């Protein structure tokens, strides 16, 4: 990737922090552990 702020990097950050469960967090996401909750129909 040639740009630091490419859309791919943003997508990877979103996936890692809000969607992907982490085994070291007992299958919670980092956002869930931080108390960040996504509300709405289109999460």
Protein backbone atom coordinates (compact mmCIF):
# COMPACT_ATOMS: atom_id res chain seq x y z
CA UNK A 1 0.00 0.00 0.00
CA UNK A 2 1.41 3.29 -1.02
CA UNK A 3 -0.78 5.61 1.08
CA UNK A 4 -0.94 5.62 4.87
CA UNK A 5 -4.66 6.40 4.91
CA UNK A 6 -5.95 4.13 2.16
CA UNK A 7 -9.52 2.78 2.41
CA UNK A 8 -8.09 -0.72 2.88
CA UNK A 9 -6.34 0.32 6.11
CA UNK A 10 -9.56 1.83 7.44
CA UNK A 11 -11.43 -1.39 6.62
CA UNK A 12 -8.81 -3.52 8.37
CA UNK A 13 -9.03 -1.34 11.49
CA UNK A 14 -12.84 -1.58 11.53
CA UNK A 15 -12.78 -5.35 11.08
CA UNK A 16 -10.13 -5.85 13.76
CA UNK A 17 -11.74 -3.62 16.39
CA UNK A 18 -15.48 -4.07 15.83
CA UNK A 19 -16.19 -7.36 14.04
CA UNK A 20 -13.48 -9.97 14.67
CA UNK A 21 -13.72 -11.83 17.99
CA UNK A 22 -10.38 -12.20 19.79
CA UNK A 23 -9.54 -15.37 21.68
CA UNK A 24 -7.48 -13.45 24.25
CA UNK A 25 -10.61 -11.42 25.08
CA UNK A 26 -12.81 -14.51 25.53
CA UNK A 27 -14.14 -14.06 21.98
CA UNK A 28 -15.21 -10.45 22.54
CA UNK A 29 -14.19 -7.64 20.22
CA UNK A 30 -11.88 -4.88 21.48
CA UNK A 31 -14.71 -2.36 21.02
CA UNK A 32 -17.06 -4.45 23.14
CA UNK A 33 -14.46 -4.71 25.91
CA UNK A 34 -13.95 -0.95 25.76
CA UNK A 35 -17.68 -0.40 26.21
CA UNK A 36 -18.29 0.83 22.67
CA UNK A 37 -21.62 -0.46 21.42
CA UNK A 38 -22.82 -0.13 17.85
CA UNK A 39 -26.58 0.49 17.66
CA UNK A 40 -28.92 0.45 14.72
CA UNK A 41 -30.08 -1.88 12.00
CA UNK A 42 -27.02 -1.50 9.75
CA UNK A 43 -24.10 -2.35 11.98
